[in-house]
Amino acid sequence: MFESGSRLFGTDGIRGVANTELTADFALALGRATAEEIRGESVLIGRDTRRSGEMLSEAFQAGLHSIGVDSLDVGILPSGGISHLVAETGAAMGVIISASHNPAIDNGIKLLNHRGAKLADEREDRIEARVRRGSPWLLASGDSVGTRFAMVDAEERYLTFLKGTMPYSLNGFRLLIDCANGAATRVAPELFRRLSADVEVLCAEPDGTNINDGCGAAHPGFLAGECRGRVGLAFDGDADRLIAVDEDGVPANGDVIMAIIARHMKETGKLRKNVVVATVMANLGFRKAMSEMGIELVETQVGDRYVKEAMWERRAALGGEQSGHVIFSAHAETGDGLLTAVRLLEVLAITGKELRELRAETITEFPQILRNVRVADKSLLAGADVLWDAVSSIEERLGGDGRILIRPSGTEPLVRVMVEAPTRDEAVTITDELVAIVRSELG
């Protein structure tokens, strides 16, 4: 975790293989550095269902306590609930122990500010610098040592918040929920039962090693095969993202969900500034839908923290990613899959329409192909003239009915090639052509 020249914090906190890269010793040091940053105030902490989560949570809390900072431990809870409770309790910071949609072998540590939003880069940098300096620490002693307080009503407080955002009953709705054997396992079924829906639950038996294992938002095909006329809701490991499945068993990603909700918010006068924020990965069909509705689309780089920053700057009410992270600034500071599901079902309840019907009349998605190409030197991408000439030629041929996005990975020796075209066959052909040029030009 400590290679020189590489930043510990990525776009979604610190991630690594648990107990190999992300160790208890590291979590202890990070807890100490975090405690020195806030000096005496309490920190709220929660986790998903990974086997390594308890180890990392307790090590991080031990670091806090050793510097004299108390911890409020909410146990296993969706990321959106942890974020909400940070603000509700007045904690100085929040901590999420989760690797989101990653396999169980991985884990992560994400820090939140007092509002429940992701920590600013400059604060992450200060905490990282303190971790790297190491001893001596400002250790507390005697009655100044911090301690752990278990928040036994955390689930209930989160459920009360979510239910309070929904003014309509879901009586008559038949829902199939995939909890990914993750943090949504207890909360999601209980929420939708309280809203009077008919609920069947899948993948809600976490054993510490089966989180995201062939299920959840990262594998929507599993839920799609089980829906049989019902609306499906697939969450990922920490339940900060949602992929829905319509009554025909067709997955609806973040672009589809946002398009449906944006249209409804505009029609009801709730789309503040008439703006929606999305990333460069948003489907061309989503872009065309926003244009046809007269909604301004603000584009950011990939990462929900960048979406949130743009939403704050533009005072936007809605923003999100194709992956299913959706942010509603009136209710939350970060992506919350359960809140997204509530907002989507609210549109269905108000309109009386099925999800497949709303999808058909709101957005026509373009086939999208994404390939990751391993290269010898991704820094050569900007100067790869042969590649960019080919891109220009293809884009001219596609006109407004296609899109190409080529960008380097931020963490790996990869170049990502994304192509959208009117048909899947055409998108595949173009992608193959561009991938061959990337390999030829970048080694």
Protein backbone atom coordinates (compact mmCIF):
# COMPACT_ATOMS: atom_id res chain seq x y z
CA MET A 1 0.00 0.00 0.00
CA PHE A 2 2.98 2.28 0.49
CA GLU A 3 4.69 2.38 -2.92
CA SER A 4 6.31 5.76 -3.44
CA GLY A 5 4.76 7.89 -6.14
CA SER A 6 1.35 6.21 -6.00
CA ARG A 7 -1.54 7.82 -4.14
CA LEU A 8 -3.25 5.63 -1.56
CA PHE A 9 -6.69 7.10 -2.14
CA GLY A 10 -8.40 6.40 -5.43
CA THR A 11 -11.70 7.78 -6.69
CA ASP A 12 -13.54 5.55 -4.22
CA GLY A 13 -11.27 5.35 -1.20
CA ILE A 14 -8.48 2.83 -0.60
CA ARG A 15 -8.89 -0.72 -1.93
CA GLY A 16 -6.77 -3.82 -1.98
CA VAL A 17 -6.63 -7.51 -1.25
CA ALA A 18 -7.63 -7.91 2.40
CA ASN A 19 -4.81 -8.90 4.77
CA THR A 20 -2.30 -8.82 1.93
CA GLU A 21 -2.41 -5.23 0.69
CA LEU A 22 -5.05 -3.89 3.06
CA THR A 23 -3.85 -5.17 6.43
CA ALA A 24 -4.92 -4.67 10.03
CA ASP A 25 -1.65 -2.81 10.69
CA PHE A 26 -2.45 -0.42 7.86
CA ALA A 27 -6.02 0.11 9.10
CA LEU A 28 -4.64 0.85 12.57
CA ALA A 29 -2.28 3.49 11.17
CA LEU A 30 -5.01 5.00 9.00
CA GLY A 31 -7.29 5.19 12.04
CA ARG A 32 -4.60 7.00 13.99
CA ALA A 33 -3.94 9.45 11.15
CA THR A 34 -7.67 10.11 10.80
CA ALA A 35 -7.96 10.73 14.55
CA GLU A 36 -5.11 13.25 14.48
CA GLU A 37 -6.86 15.03 11.60
CA ILE A 38 -10.09 15.58 13.55
CA ARG A 39 -8.61 15.87 17.06
CA GLY A 40 -11.08 14.56 19.59
CA GLU A 41 -14.43 14.34 17.83
CA SER A 42 -16.26 11.07 17.17
CA VAL A 43 -16.19 8.97 13.97
CA LEU A 44 -19.06 6.80 12.69
CA ILE A 45 -18.04 3.53 11.06
CA GLY A 46 -19.85 0.71 9.24
CA ARG A 47 -19.10 -2.16 6.88
CA ASP A 48 -20.45 -4.73 4.44
CA THR A 49 -20.54 -8.51 4.92
CA ARG A 50 -16.99 -9.47 3.89
CA ARG A 51 -15.17 -11.80 6.24
CA SER A 52 -12.31 -9.29 6.52
CA GLY A 53 -14.62 -6.39 7.37
CA GLU A 54 -14.70 -6.96 11.12
CA MET A 55 -10.90 -7.21 11.29
CA LEU A 56 -10.37 -3.96 9.41
CA SER A 57 -13.16 -2.14 11.25
CA GLU A 58 -11.82 -3.10 14.67
CA ALA A 59 -8.24 -2.22 13.68
CA PHE A 60 -9.33 1.19 12.38
CA GLN A 61 -11.33 1.82 15.54
CA ALA A 62 -8.33 0.80 17.68
CA GLY A 63 -6.35 3.46 15.85
CA LEU A 64 -9.00 6.07 16.62
CA HIS A 65 -9.21 5.05 20.28
CA SER A 66 -5.44 5.16 20.75
CA ILE A 67 -5.43 8.85 19.79
CA GLY A 68 -8.44 9.67 21.98
CA VAL A 69 -11.29 9.57 19.44
CA ASP A 70 -14.52 7.65 20.10
CA SER A 71 -16.17 5.50 17.43
CA LEU A 72 -19.87 4.97 16.70
CA ASP A 73 -20.10 1.47 15.23
CA VAL A 74 -23.20 0.80 13.11
CA GLY A 75 -22.06 -2.70 12.11
CA ILE A 76 -23.26 -4.03 8.75
CA LEU A 77 -25.20 -1.33 6.90
CA PRO A 78 -25.46 -0.06 3.30
CA SER A 79 -23.11 2.78 2.40
CA GLY A 80 -26.05 5.12 1.95
CA GLY A 81 -27.13 4.43 5.53
CA ILE A 82 -23.65 5.10 6.87
CA SER A 83 -23.51 8.39 4.96
CA HIS A 84 -26.97 9.40 6.21
CA LEU A 85 -26.15 8.62 9.84
CA VAL A 86 -22.90 10.57 9.78
CA ALA A 87 -24.88 13.75 9.12
CA GLU A 88 -27.77 12.79 11.41
CA THR A 89 -25.57 12.04 14.43
CA GLY A 90 -23.21 15.00 14.04
CA ALA A 91 -20.12 12.78 13.77
CA ALA A 92 -16.99 14.53 12.57
CA MET A 93 -16.34 11.90 9.91
CA GLY A 94 -17.62 8.61 8.57
CA VAL A 95 -15.83 5.43 7.52
CA ILE A 96 -17.12 2.73 5.17
CA ILE A 97 -15.29 -0.60 5.21
CA SER A 98 -16.23 -2.09 1.84
CA ALA A 99 -14.93 -2.86 -1.62
CA SER A 100 -18.39 -2.28 -3.13
CA HIS A 101 -18.87 -4.55 -6.18
CA ASN A 102 -15.43 -6.22 -5.91
CA PRO A 103 -15.01 -9.92 -5.00
CA ALA A 104 -14.97 -10.99 -1.35
CA ILE A 105 -11.18 -11.29 -1.27
CA ASP A 106 -10.89 -7.50 -1.65
CA ASN A 107 -11.82 -4.82 0.84
CA GLY A 108 -11.62 -1.07 1.10
CA ILE A 109 -11.71 1.93 3.42
CA LYS A 110 -13.60 5.04 2.38
CA LEU A 111 -13.62 8.24 4.44
CA LEU A 112 -16.57 10.65 4.56
CA ASN A 113 -16.81 14.22 5.81
CA HIS A 114 -19.27 15.45 8.44
CA ARG A 115 -22.04 15.72 5.83
CA GLY A 116 -21.59 12.11 4.73
CA ALA A 117 -19.94 13.05 1.42
CA LYS A 118 -16.63 11.69 0.21
CA LEU A 119 -13.65 13.41 1.75
CA ALA A 120 -11.98 16.20 -0.23
CA ASP A 121 -8.67 15.37 -1.92
CA GLU A 122 -6.70 17.78 0.27
CA ARG A 123 -7.90 16.12 3.48
CA GLU A 124 -7.14 12.67 2.07
CA ASP A 125 -3.67 13.92 1.16
CA ARG A 126 -3.05 15.19 4.71
CA ILE A 127 -4.17 11.88 6.20
CA GLU A 128 -2.04 9.92 3.73
CA ALA A 129 1.01 12.04 4.52
CA ARG A 130 0.50 11.40 8.23
CA VAL A 131 0.24 7.63 7.65
CA ARG A 132 3.48 7.67 5.70
CA ARG A 133 5.32 9.58 8.45
CA GLY A 134 4.30 6.98 11.03
CA SER A 135 5.52 7.10 14.64
CA PRO A 136 5.56 8.93 16.93
CA TRP A 137 1.77 9.28 17.27
CA LEU A 138 -0.11 11.62 19.59
CA LEU A 139 -1.19 8.75 21.84
CA ALA A 140 -3.84 9.27 24.51
CA SER A 141 -3.70 7.76 27.99
CA GLY A 142 -5.94 7.10 30.97
CA ASP A 143 -9.45 8.45 30.63
CA SER A 144 -8.48 10.23 27.40
CA VAL A 145 -8.39 6.96 25.47
CA GLY A 146 -11.30 6.65 23.04
CA THR A 147 -13.90 3.90 23.15
CA ARG A 148 -16.48 2.17 20.96
CA PHE A 149 -20.20 2.85 21.13
CA ALA A 150 -22.45 0.38 19.28
CA MET A 151 -25.36 2.11 17.49
CA VAL A 152 -27.94 -0.62 17.96
CA ASP A 153 -30.72 1.34 16.24
CA ALA A 154 -28.74 2.16 13.09
CA GLU A 155 -30.86 -0.02 10.78
CA GLU A 156 -34.10 1.35 12.17
CA ARG A 157 -32.98 4.96 11.79
CA TYR A 158 -31.93 4.34 8.19
CA LEU A 159 -35.19 2.54 7.38
CA THR A 160 -37.20 5.39 8.91
CA PHE A 161 -35.35 7.87 6.71
CA LEU A 162 -35.89 5.88 3.51
CA LYS A 163 -39.56 5.17 4.18
CA GLY A 164 -40.08 8.86 4.98
CA THR A 165 -38.98 9.84 1.47
CA MET A 166 -41.76 7.75 -0.13
CA PRO A 167 -45.28 9.23 0.08
CA TYR A 168 -46.93 6.34 -1.79
CA SER A 169 -47.77 2.73 -1.01
CA LEU A 170 -46.32 -0.03 -3.17
CA ASN A 171 -49.32 -2.24 -2.58
CA GLY A 172 -49.78 -4.42 -5.67
CA PHE A 173 -46.12 -4.21 -6.74
CA ARG A 174 -44.37 -7.56 -7.18
CA LEU A 175 -40.65 -7.12 -6.54
CA LEU A 176 -37.73 -9.53 -6.80
CA ILE A 177 -34.71 -8.28 -4.86
CA ASP A 178 -31.10 -9.45 -5.28
CA CYS A 179 -29.13 -8.39 -2.19
CA ALA A 180 -25.76 -9.65 -3.53
CA ASN A 181 -25.20 -11.36 -0.15
CA GLY A 182 -24.11 -7.93 0.97
CA ALA A 183 -25.02 -4.98 3.15
CA ALA A 184 -28.59 -4.73 1.80
CA THR A 185 -29.46 -8.24 3.02
CA ARG A 186 -31.54 -7.18 6.04
CA VAL A 187 -32.51 -3.63 5.18
CA ALA A 188 -33.75 -3.87 1.57
CA PRO A 189 -36.39 -6.60 2.08
CA GLU A 190 -37.65 -4.88 5.23
CA LEU A 191 -37.91 -1.49 3.50
CA PHE A 192 -40.06 -2.70 0.63
CA ARG A 193 -42.24 -4.82 2.89
CA ARG A 194 -42.89 -1.73 5.00
CA LEU A 195 -43.92 0.01 1.78
CA SER A 196 -46.46 -2.81 1.28
CA ALA A 197 -44.85 -4.45 -1.76
CA ASP A 198 -45.00 -8.19 -2.44
CA VAL A 199 -41.31 -9.08 -2.02
CA GLU A 200 -39.24 -12.14 -2.90
CA VAL A 201 -35.58 -12.05 -1.92
CA LEU A 202 -32.53 -13.66 -3.53
CA CYS A 203 -28.89 -13.81 -2.43
CA ALA A 204 -29.53 -12.75 1.16
CA GLU A 205 -27.47 -15.38 2.96
CA PRO A 206 -24.01 -13.81 3.40
CA ASP A 207 -21.27 -16.08 4.71
CA GLY A 208 -18.40 -13.61 4.42
CA THR A 209 -17.13 -15.08 1.16
CA ASN A 210 -20.11 -14.98 -1.24
CA ILE A 211 -20.66 -11.23 -1.55
CA ASN A 212 -21.16 -10.27 -5.26
CA ASP A 213 -20.51 -13.90 -6.22
CA GLY A 214 -22.38 -14.23 -9.52
CA CYS A 215 -25.17 -12.03 -8.24
CA GLY A 216 -26.10 -8.42 -7.49
CA ALA A 217 -25.67 -5.30 -9.58
CA ALA A 218 -22.39 -6.54 -11.03
CA HIS A 219 -24.18 -9.61 -12.46
CA PRO A 220 -27.69 -8.45 -13.44
CA GLY A 221 -28.14 -11.41 -15.78
CA PHE A 222 -28.77 -13.64 -12.76
CA LEU A 223 -31.75 -11.56 -11.60
CA ALA A 224 -32.95 -11.07 -15.18
CA GLY A 225 -33.38 -14.82 -15.52
CA GLU A 226 -35.59 -14.99 -12.42
CA CYS A 227 -37.97 -12.01 -12.77
CA ARG A 228 -40.85 -13.58 -14.73
CA GLY A 229 -42.99 -10.48 -15.06
CA ARG A 230 -41.82 -8.79 -11.87
CA VAL A 231 -39.65 -5.70 -11.38
CA GLY A 232 -36.18 -6.71 -10.21
CA LEU A 233 -33.85 -4.68 -8.00
CA ALA A 234 -30.18 -5.70 -7.89
CA PHE A 235 -27.84 -4.06 -5.37
CA ASP A 236 -24.09 -4.44 -5.10
CA GLY A 237 -22.08 -5.41 -2.02
CA ASP A 238 -22.42 -2.13 -0.16
CA ALA A 239 -25.74 -1.26 -1.87
CA ASP A 240 -24.59 2.11 -3.17
CA ARG A 241 -25.65 1.21 -6.70
CA LEU A 242 -28.81 -0.19 -8.28
CA ILE A 243 -29.42 -2.05 -11.51
CA ALA A 244 -33.13 -2.65 -12.12
CA VAL A 245 -34.66 -5.36 -14.30
CA ASP A 246 -37.92 -4.72 -16.15
CA GLU A 247 -40.90 -7.05 -16.48
CA ASP A 248 -39.43 -8.57 -19.65
CA GLY A 249 -36.22 -9.50 -17.83
CA VAL A 250 -34.16 -6.74 -19.47
CA PRO A 251 -31.63 -4.99 -17.16
CA ALA A 252 -32.00 -1.23 -16.75
CA ASN A 253 -28.69 0.40 -15.86
CA GLY A 254 -28.05 3.81 -14.34
CA ASP A 255 -28.62 5.60 -17.66
CA VAL A 256 -32.10 4.11 -18.03
CA ILE A 257 -33.00 4.73 -14.40
CA MET A 258 -31.81 8.34 -14.51
CA ALA A 259 -33.59 9.04 -17.79
CA ILE A 260 -36.92 7.85 -16.37
CA ILE A 261 -36.49 9.78 -13.13
CA ALA A 262 -35.18 12.93 -14.86
CA ARG A 263 -38.19 13.02 -17.15
CA HIS A 264 -40.56 12.71 -14.20
CA MET A 265 -38.70 15.34 -12.16
CA LYS A 266 -38.83 17.77 -15.07
CA GLU A 267 -42.55 17.18 -15.59
CA THR A 268 -43.25 17.76 -11.89
CA GLY A 269 -41.00 20.81 -11.56
CA LYS A 270 -38.46 19.10 -9.28
CA LEU A 271 -35.46 19.10 -11.65
CA ARG A 272 -33.64 22.08 -10.22
CA LYS A 273 -31.87 24.27 -12.81
CA ASN A 274 -33.11 21.80 -15.47
CA VAL A 275 -29.73 20.06 -15.24
CA VAL A 276 -28.62 16.42 -14.95
CA VAL A 277 -25.00 15.40 -14.29
CA ALA A 278 -23.51 12.22 -15.83
CA THR A 279 -20.06 10.90 -16.72
CA VAL A 280 -18.34 10.47 -20.07
CA MET A 281 -19.55 6.85 -20.06
CA ALA A 282 -23.22 7.84 -20.34
CA ASN A 283 -24.81 6.13 -23.33
CA LEU A 284 -25.47 8.14 -26.48
CA GLY A 285 -29.12 7.18 -26.10
CA PHE A 286 -29.17 8.88 -22.70
CA ARG A 287 -27.59 12.00 -24.19
CA LYS A 288 -30.16 12.11 -26.97
CA ALA A 289 -32.99 11.58 -24.47
CA MET A 290 -31.81 14.51 -22.34
CA SER A 291 -31.54 16.71 -25.45
CA GLU A 292 -35.03 15.79 -26.63
CA MET A 293 -36.43 16.62 -23.19
CA GLY A 294 -34.68 19.98 -23.17
CA ILE A 295 -32.53 19.00 -20.19
CA GLU A 296 -28.95 20.27 -19.98
CA LEU A 297 -26.43 17.45 -19.53
CA VAL A 298 -23.28 18.25 -17.56
CA GLU A 299 -20.49 15.74 -18.19
CA THR A 300 -17.75 14.67 -15.74
CA GLN A 301 -14.96 12.12 -15.65
CA VAL A 302 -15.78 8.63 -14.34
CA GLY A 303 -16.35 8.48 -10.57
CA ASP A 304 -19.35 9.41 -8.47
CA ARG A 305 -17.26 11.85 -6.43
CA TYR A 306 -16.83 13.92 -9.62
CA VAL A 307 -20.55 13.69 -10.29
CA LYS A 308 -21.25 15.01 -6.79
CA GLU A 309 -18.76 17.86 -7.21
CA ALA A 310 -20.42 18.95 -10.47
CA MET A 311 -23.87 18.67 -8.87
CA TRP A 312 -22.73 20.94 -6.07
CA GLU A 313 -21.29 23.49 -8.48
CA ARG A 314 -24.42 23.54 -10.66
CA ARG A 315 -26.91 23.06 -7.77
CA ALA A 316 -28.27 20.04 -9.66
CA ALA A 317 -30.88 17.77 -8.11
CA LEU A 318 -29.95 14.61 -10.03
CA GLY A 319 -26.74 13.01 -11.17
CA GLY A 320 -25.18 9.60 -11.54
CA GLU A 321 -23.34 6.93 -13.45
CA GLN A 322 -24.22 4.19 -15.90
CA SER A 323 -23.02 1.70 -13.27
CA GLY A 324 -26.03 2.50 -11.11
CA HIS A 325 -24.65 5.10 -8.72
CA VAL A 326 -27.35 7.78 -8.60
CA ILE A 327 -27.33 10.83 -6.33
CA PHE A 328 -30.38 12.82 -5.25
CA SER A 329 -29.06 16.00 -3.69
CA ALA A 330 -32.34 16.72 -1.87
CA HIS A 331 -31.90 13.54 0.17
CA ALA A 332 -28.30 12.33 0.13
CA GLU A 333 -24.64 13.25 -0.31
CA THR A 334 -23.63 10.08 -2.09
CA GLY A 335 -24.99 7.20 -4.16
CA ASP A 336 -27.59 5.06 -2.40
CA GLY A 337 -29.06 2.08 -4.23
CA LEU A 338 -32.03 1.73 -1.89
CA LEU A 339 -32.94 5.41 -2.23
CA THR A 340 -32.60 5.09 -6.01
CA ALA A 341 -34.98 2.13 -5.98
CA VAL A 342 -37.50 4.12 -3.93
CA ARG A 343 -37.34 7.04 -6.37
CA LEU A 344 -37.73 4.75 -9.39
CA LEU A 345 -40.70 2.91 -7.87
CA GLU A 346 -42.25 6.25 -6.97
CA VAL A 347 -42.39 7.09 -10.68
CA LEU A 348 -44.04 3.75 -11.40
CA ALA A 349 -46.55 4.31 -8.60
CA ILE A 350 -47.47 7.84 -9.72
CA THR A 351 -47.73 7.09 -13.44
CA GLY A 352 -49.33 3.67 -13.09
CA LYS A 353 -47.01 2.44 -15.84
CA GLU A 354 -44.76 -0.60 -15.94
CA LEU A 355 -41.00 -0.19 -15.99
CA ARG A 356 -40.75 -1.63 -19.51
CA GLU A 357 -43.32 0.90 -20.72
CA LEU A 358 -41.54 3.88 -19.15
CA ARG A 359 -38.24 2.68 -20.56
CA ALA A 360 -39.62 2.34 -24.10
CA GLU A 361 -41.08 5.84 -24.14
CA THR A 362 -38.09 7.53 -22.47
CA ILE A 363 -34.82 6.19 -23.88
CA THR A 364 -33.45 4.16 -26.77
CA GLU A 365 -30.04 2.83 -25.81
CA PHE A 366 -27.28 2.45 -28.37
CA PRO A 367 -25.27 -0.80 -28.34
CA GLN A 368 -22.11 -0.10 -26.35
CA ILE A 369 -18.89 -2.14 -26.45
CA LEU A 370 -16.11 -1.58 -23.90
CA ARG A 371 -12.71 -3.27 -24.19
CA ASN A 372 -9.72 -2.94 -21.89
CA VAL A 373 -6.44 -3.18 -23.83
CA ARG A 374 -3.23 -3.92 -21.92
CA VAL A 375 -0.40 -1.79 -23.31
CA ALA A 376 3.30 -1.28 -22.72
CA ASP A 377 3.08 2.48 -22.21
CA LYS A 378 -0.30 4.19 -21.83
CA SER A 379 1.42 7.61 -21.70
CA LEU A 380 1.86 7.32 -25.49
CA LEU A 381 -1.90 7.50 -26.01
CA ALA A 382 -2.14 11.26 -26.44
CA GLY A 383 0.46 11.23 -29.25
CA ALA A 384 -0.87 8.18 -31.10
CA ASP A 385 -1.76 10.09 -34.29
CA VAL A 386 -2.65 6.99 -36.32
CA LEU A 387 -5.25 6.08 -33.68
CA TRP A 388 -6.77 9.54 -33.44
CA ASP A 389 -6.94 9.87 -37.24
CA ALA A 390 -8.87 6.59 -37.33
CA VAL A 391 -11.20 7.83 -34.59
CA SER A 392 -11.90 11.04 -36.52
CA SER A 393 -12.64 9.14 -39.70
CA ILE A 394 -15.01 6.70 -37.97
CA GLU A 395 -16.81 9.46 -36.06
CA GLU A 396 -17.35 11.37 -39.31
CA ARG A 397 -18.85 8.25 -40.86
CA LEU A 398 -21.13 7.64 -37.85
CA GLY A 399 -22.30 11.23 -37.69
CA GLY A 400 -24.62 11.69 -34.74
CA ASP A 401 -25.45 7.98 -34.55
CA GLY A 402 -22.37 6.77 -32.75
CA ARG A 403 -19.66 7.72 -30.29
CA ILE A 404 -16.09 6.71 -29.48
CA LEU A 405 -14.31 7.21 -26.16
CA ILE A 406 -10.70 6.14 -25.67
CA ARG A 407 -9.00 6.86 -22.35
CA PRO A 408 -6.18 5.49 -20.18
CA SER A 409 -6.92 3.66 -16.94
CA GLY A 410 -6.06 5.67 -13.86
CA THR A 411 -4.56 2.71 -11.99
CA GLU A 412 -3.54 -0.01 -14.47
CA PRO A 413 -1.47 -0.26 -17.70
CA LEU A 414 -4.67 -0.31 -19.73
CA VAL A 415 -6.35 1.76 -22.42
CA ARG A 416 -10.14 1.61 -22.39
CA VAL A 417 -11.85 1.63 -25.79
CA MET A 418 -15.59 2.34 -25.79
CA VAL A 419 -17.68 2.37 -28.96
CA GLU A 420 -21.39 3.07 -29.50
CA ALA A 421 -23.06 2.52 -32.86
CA PRO A 422 -26.56 1.94 -34.29
CA THR A 423 -26.12 -1.86 -34.26
CA ARG A 424 -24.11 -4.21 -32.07
CA ASP A 425 -22.36 -5.77 -35.08
CA GLU A 426 -21.14 -2.36 -36.22
CA ALA A 427 -19.99 -1.46 -32.72
CA VAL A 428 -18.04 -4.73 -32.46
CA THR A 429 -16.39 -4.21 -35.87
CA ILE A 430 -15.30 -0.67 -35.00
CA THR A 431 -14.04 -1.76 -31.57
CA ASP A 432 -11.95 -4.55 -33.08
CA GLU A 433 -10.40 -2.09 -35.53
CA LEU A 434 -9.51 0.43 -32.83
CA VAL A 435 -8.19 -2.18 -30.41
CA ALA A 436 -5.81 -3.43 -33.11
CA ILE A 437 -4.50 0.09 -33.66
CA VAL A 438 -4.04 0.68 -29.92
CA ARG A 439 -1.98 -2.49 -29.65
CA SER A 440 0.08 -1.59 -32.68
CA GLU A 441 0.77 2.02 -31.58
CA LEU A 442 1.21 1.55 -27.81
CA GLY A 443 2.92 -1.83 -27.69
